[in-house]
Structures are given as structure tokens and as C-alpha cells.
Amino acid sequence: QIIQERRFVEAVNREAYQYQMGDFPTEWEAWIRKKRKDPPTIEEILRNENYREEMKQKIQDVYEKDKLLQAKEYKEGLIAEPAHTQVKGHASAPYYGKQEPSEDPTSTANTFQPGAWMPPGSGS
């Protein structure tokens, strides 16, 4: 019978149940879950952490450049700006942003608003 190696982490500052995914460096997670053979070194963890920070900064730089380019293209009229919809009130409100009654009757839940319809040929 083969006895398998057990890998675990002892909680230092918290109870074991308080740890969440991502509290440990990913290198240690991989070692604990037997995705890698050897435990990580401090140098490896620091190197990977620096790499991740560099990538975050590069992504932020690309995002800002893209926003500037997009604003320039909007200004020059090369691309259309996205349409912005402004909603006034709520769809179930009796007037929904209008101050005058509509020509058609409206009904929402327990309320009824008569319309301003006039029979054809009534003169006024």
C-alpha cells in the first residue's frame, strides 16, 4: 500500500476557515494542490509578483492610450459616439416624464388615466 504525501498550510494569524482563495500566492496554491513538484522559493514568488505588477501597469497604460485615441476619433468624427439614453421617471409611472396627458388612455396597476382624445369632426 502506498501512503500519499499530504500537503497543508497551518493558519498563523487566522482560523483555517477564514482563509479565502487568493490569500496564498498562486505558487503555493499550485504546490499544495500538487500541480507542481517542488515548493516555491521566495525569489520565485517575488519575481512573479513583480511580473504581475508590471503587467497590470502595462494594461493600464494601453487602456489609457486607447481611451485617448478613442476620444480623438470621436472629436475628428471618424467614429460615432455611443448613444446615451436618458430615462426620466419609471416605466410604471402614470406620466413617465411627460407633464401633459397623452392622447391615449393609460393604465398602470390600480390607476387609470383617461386620454385627451376628441371624437373626429367635433370641431375643437
C-alpha atoms as a PDB file:
ATOM      1  CA  GLN A   1       0.000   0.000   0.000  1.00  0.00           C
ATOM      2  CA  ILE A   2       1.273   3.484  -0.954  1.00  0.00           C
ATOM      3  CA  ILE A   3       0.826   6.331   1.517  1.00  0.00           C
ATOM      4  CA  GLN A   4       0.321   9.569  -0.358  1.00  0.00           C
ATOM      5  CA  GLU A   5       2.041  12.734   0.713  1.00  0.00           C
ATOM      6  CA  ARG A   6      -0.267  15.243   2.408  1.00  0.00           C
ATOM      7  CA  ARG A   7       0.366  18.933   1.935  1.00  0.00           C
ATOM      8  CA  PHE A   8      -1.343  21.511   4.115  1.00  0.00           C
ATOM      9  CA  VAL A   9      -0.986  25.018   5.492  1.00  0.00           C
ATOM     10  CA  GLU A  10      -1.117  25.895   9.158  1.00  0.00           C
ATOM     11  CA  ALA A  11      -3.077  29.070   9.834  1.00  0.00           C
ATOM     12  CA  VAL A  12      -0.902  31.671  11.556  1.00  0.00           C
ATOM     13  CA  ASN A  13      -2.944  34.839  12.085  1.00  0.00           C
ATOM     14  CA  ARG A  14      -6.434  33.490  11.413  1.00  0.00           C
ATOM     15  CA  GLU A  15      -8.504  30.405  11.848  1.00  0.00           C
ATOM     16  CA  ALA A  16      -8.252  27.956   8.959  1.00  0.00           C
ATOM     17  CA  TYR A  17     -11.872  28.528   7.909  1.00  0.00           C
ATOM     18  CA  GLN A  18     -11.241  32.282   7.451  1.00  0.00           C
ATOM     19  CA  TYR A  19      -8.837  31.821   4.552  1.00  0.00           C
ATOM     20  CA  GLN A  20     -10.185  32.551   1.088  1.00  0.00           C
ATOM     21  CA  MET A  21      -8.987  31.580  -2.372  1.00  0.00           C
ATOM     22  CA  GLY A  22      -6.228  34.005  -3.319  1.00  0.00           C
ATOM     23  CA  ASP A  23      -4.919  34.582   0.221  1.00  0.00           C
ATOM     24  CA  PHE A  24      -1.860  32.496  -0.637  1.00  0.00           C
ATOM     25  CA  PRO A  25       0.498  33.187  -3.524  1.00  0.00           C
ATOM     26  CA  THR A  26      -0.510  31.170  -6.578  1.00  0.00           C
ATOM     27  CA  GLU A  27       2.808  29.304  -6.474  1.00  0.00           C
ATOM     28  CA  TRP A  28       1.978  27.914  -3.028  1.00  0.00           C
ATOM     29  CA  GLU A  29      -1.564  27.067  -4.133  1.00  0.00           C
ATOM     30  CA  ALA A  30      -0.098  25.063  -7.013  1.00  0.00           C
ATOM     31  CA  TRP A  31       2.268  23.196  -4.673  1.00  0.00           C
ATOM     32  CA  ILE A  32      -0.462  22.423  -2.127  1.00  0.00           C
ATOM     33  CA  ARG A  33      -2.746  21.081  -4.871  1.00  0.00           C
ATOM     34  CA  LYS A  34       0.152  19.019  -6.282  1.00  0.00           C
ATOM     35  CA  LYS A  35       0.259  20.911  -9.571  1.00  0.00           C
ATOM     36  CA  ARG A  36       3.996  21.370  -9.083  1.00  0.00           C
ATOM     37  CA  LYS A  37       6.605  19.071  -7.582  1.00  0.00           C
ATOM     38  CA  ASP A  38       8.781  21.428  -5.531  1.00  0.00           C
ATOM     39  CA  PRO A  39       7.640  24.220  -3.195  1.00  0.00           C
ATOM     40  CA  PRO A  40       8.299  27.735  -4.494  1.00  0.00           C
ATOM     41  CA  THR A  41      11.229  29.842  -3.382  1.00  0.00           C
ATOM     42  CA  ILE A  42      10.935  33.371  -2.044  1.00  0.00           C
ATOM     43  CA  GLU A  43      12.832  34.675  -5.074  1.00  0.00           C
ATOM     44  CA  GLU A  44      10.390  32.961  -7.431  1.00  0.00           C
ATOM     45  CA  ILE A  45       7.385  34.406  -5.606  1.00  0.00           C
ATOM     46  CA  LEU A  46       8.861  37.932  -5.646  1.00  0.00           C
ATOM     47  CA  ARG A  47       9.833  37.641  -9.324  1.00  0.00           C
ATOM     48  CA  ASN A  48       6.322  36.511 -10.287  1.00  0.00           C
ATOM     49  CA  GLU A  49       4.729  39.218  -8.156  1.00  0.00           C
ATOM     50  CA  ASN A  50       6.859  41.883  -9.866  1.00  0.00           C
ATOM     51  CA  TYR A  51       5.906  40.444 -13.247  1.00  0.00           C
ATOM     52  CA  ARG A  52       2.194  40.630 -12.369  1.00  0.00           C
ATOM     53  CA  GLU A  53       2.577  44.256 -11.244  1.00  0.00           C
ATOM     54  CA  GLU A  54       4.386  45.127 -14.495  1.00  0.00           C
ATOM     55  CA  MET A  55       1.583  43.512 -16.499  1.00  0.00           C
ATOM     56  CA  LYS A  56      -1.058  45.462 -14.548  1.00  0.00           C
ATOM     57  CA  GLN A  57       0.816  48.698 -15.294  1.00  0.00           C
ATOM     58  CA  LYS A  58       1.176  47.850 -18.992  1.00  0.00           C
ATOM     59  CA  ILE A  59      -2.528  47.011 -19.222  1.00  0.00           C
ATOM     60  CA  GLN A  60      -3.399  50.331 -17.562  1.00  0.00           C
ATOM     61  CA  ASP A  61      -1.127  52.221 -19.994  1.00  0.00           C
ATOM     62  CA  VAL A  62      -2.701  50.513 -23.019  1.00  0.00           C
ATOM     63  CA  TYR A  63      -6.185  51.233 -21.654  1.00  0.00           C
ATOM     64  CA  GLU A  64      -5.385  54.943 -21.188  1.00  0.00           C
ATOM     65  CA  LYS A  65      -3.843  55.208 -24.684  1.00  0.00           C
ATOM     66  CA  ASP A  66      -6.929  53.553 -26.138  1.00  0.00           C
ATOM     67  CA  LYS A  67      -9.228  55.998 -24.326  1.00  0.00           C
ATOM     68  CA  LEU A  68      -7.215  58.964 -25.661  1.00  0.00           C
ATOM     69  CA  LEU A  69      -7.264  57.564 -29.203  1.00  0.00           C
ATOM     70  CA  GLN A  70     -10.996  56.939 -28.963  1.00  0.00           C
ATOM     71  CA  ALA A  71     -11.635  60.493 -27.728  1.00  0.00           C
ATOM     72  CA  LYS A  72      -9.546  61.853 -30.619  1.00  0.00           C
ATOM     73  CA  GLU A  73     -11.503  59.762 -33.131  1.00  0.00           C
ATOM     74  CA  TYR A  74     -14.805  60.966 -31.645  1.00  0.00           C
ATOM     75  CA  LYS A  75     -13.615  64.575 -31.899  1.00  0.00           C
ATOM     76  CA  GLU A  76     -12.495  64.176 -35.519  1.00  0.00           C
ATOM     77  CA  GLY A  77     -15.735  62.429 -36.430  1.00  0.00           C
ATOM     78  CA  LEU A  78     -14.023  59.225 -37.544  1.00  0.00           C
ATOM     79  CA  ILE A  79     -16.329  57.109 -35.397  1.00  0.00           C
ATOM     80  CA  ALA A  80     -19.741  57.795 -33.926  1.00  0.00           C
ATOM     81  CA  GLU A  81     -20.070  58.321 -30.206  1.00  0.00           C
ATOM     82  CA  PRO A  82     -22.136  55.761 -28.342  1.00  0.00           C
ATOM     83  CA  ALA A  83     -25.733  56.799 -27.838  1.00  0.00           C
ATOM     84  CA  HIS A  84     -26.678  57.767 -24.299  1.00  0.00           C
ATOM     85  CA  THR A  85     -30.245  57.100 -23.264  1.00  0.00           C
ATOM     86  CA  GLN A  86     -31.671  59.328 -20.580  1.00  0.00           C
ATOM     87  CA  VAL A  87     -34.513  57.827 -18.614  1.00  0.00           C
ATOM     88  CA  LYS A  88     -36.859  60.150 -16.769  1.00  0.00           C
ATOM     89  CA  GLY A  89     -39.088  58.552 -14.210  1.00  0.00           C
ATOM     90  CA  HIS A  90     -40.100  54.941 -14.153  1.00  0.00           C
ATOM     91  CA  ALA A  91     -41.927  52.992 -16.842  1.00  0.00           C
ATOM     92  CA  SER A  92     -44.810  52.238 -14.478  1.00  0.00           C
ATOM     93  CA  ALA A  93     -45.298  55.908 -13.577  1.00  0.00           C
ATOM     94  CA  PRO A  94     -48.583  57.340 -14.911  1.00  0.00           C
ATOM     95  CA  TYR A  95     -46.902  60.175 -16.874  1.00  0.00           C
ATOM     96  CA  TYR A  96     -43.347  58.775 -17.400  1.00  0.00           C
ATOM     97  CA  GLY A  97     -41.627  62.133 -17.714  1.00  0.00           C
ATOM     98  CA  LYS A  98     -44.493  63.896 -19.537  1.00  0.00           C
ATOM     99  CA  GLN A  99     -46.278  66.824 -17.926  1.00  0.00           C
ATOM    100  CA  GLU A 100     -49.340  66.810 -20.196  1.00  0.00           C
ATOM    101  CA  PRO A 101     -51.771  63.917 -20.535  1.00  0.00           C
ATOM    102  CA  SER A 102     -51.276  61.663 -23.533  1.00  0.00           C
ATOM    103  CA  GLU A 103     -53.780  61.234 -26.316  1.00  0.00           C
ATOM    104  CA  ASP A 104     -54.172  57.564 -25.446  1.00  0.00           C
ATOM    105  CA  PRO A 105     -55.585  56.279 -22.176  1.00  0.00           C
ATOM    106  CA  THR A 106     -53.013  54.713 -19.866  1.00  0.00           C
ATOM    107  CA  SER A 107     -53.496  52.142 -17.178  1.00  0.00           C
ATOM    108  CA  THR A 108     -50.944  51.067 -14.619  1.00  0.00           C
ATOM    109  CA  ALA A 109     -51.951  48.698 -11.829  1.00  0.00           C
ATOM    110  CA  ASN A 110     -54.828  50.293  -9.879  1.00  0.00           C
ATOM    111  CA  THR A 111     -54.726  53.709 -11.558  1.00  0.00           C
ATOM    112  CA  PHE A 112     -56.379  54.802 -14.776  1.00  0.00           C
ATOM    113  CA  GLN A 113     -55.579  57.985 -16.689  1.00  0.00           C
ATOM    114  CA  PRO A 114     -58.155  58.963 -19.293  1.00  0.00           C
ATOM    115  CA  GLY A 115     -56.734  60.143 -22.593  1.00  0.00           C
ATOM    116  CA  ALA A 116     -57.258  63.523 -24.223  1.00  0.00           C
ATOM    117  CA  TRP A 117     -58.950  62.003 -27.269  1.00  0.00           C
ATOM    118  CA  MET A 118     -61.558  64.039 -29.069  1.00  0.00           C
ATOM    119  CA  PRO A 119     -64.022  62.401 -31.456  1.00  0.00           C
ATOM    120  CA  PRO A 120     -63.314  63.185 -35.118  1.00  0.00           C
ATOM    121  CA  GLY A 121     -65.364  66.038 -36.532  1.00  0.00           C
ATOM    122  CA  SER A 122     -66.184  67.517 -33.145  1.00  0.00           C
ATOM    123  CA  GLY A 123     -64.844  70.882 -34.257  1.00  0.00           C
ATOM    124  CA  SER A 124     -62.477  71.767 -31.460  1.00  0.00           C
END
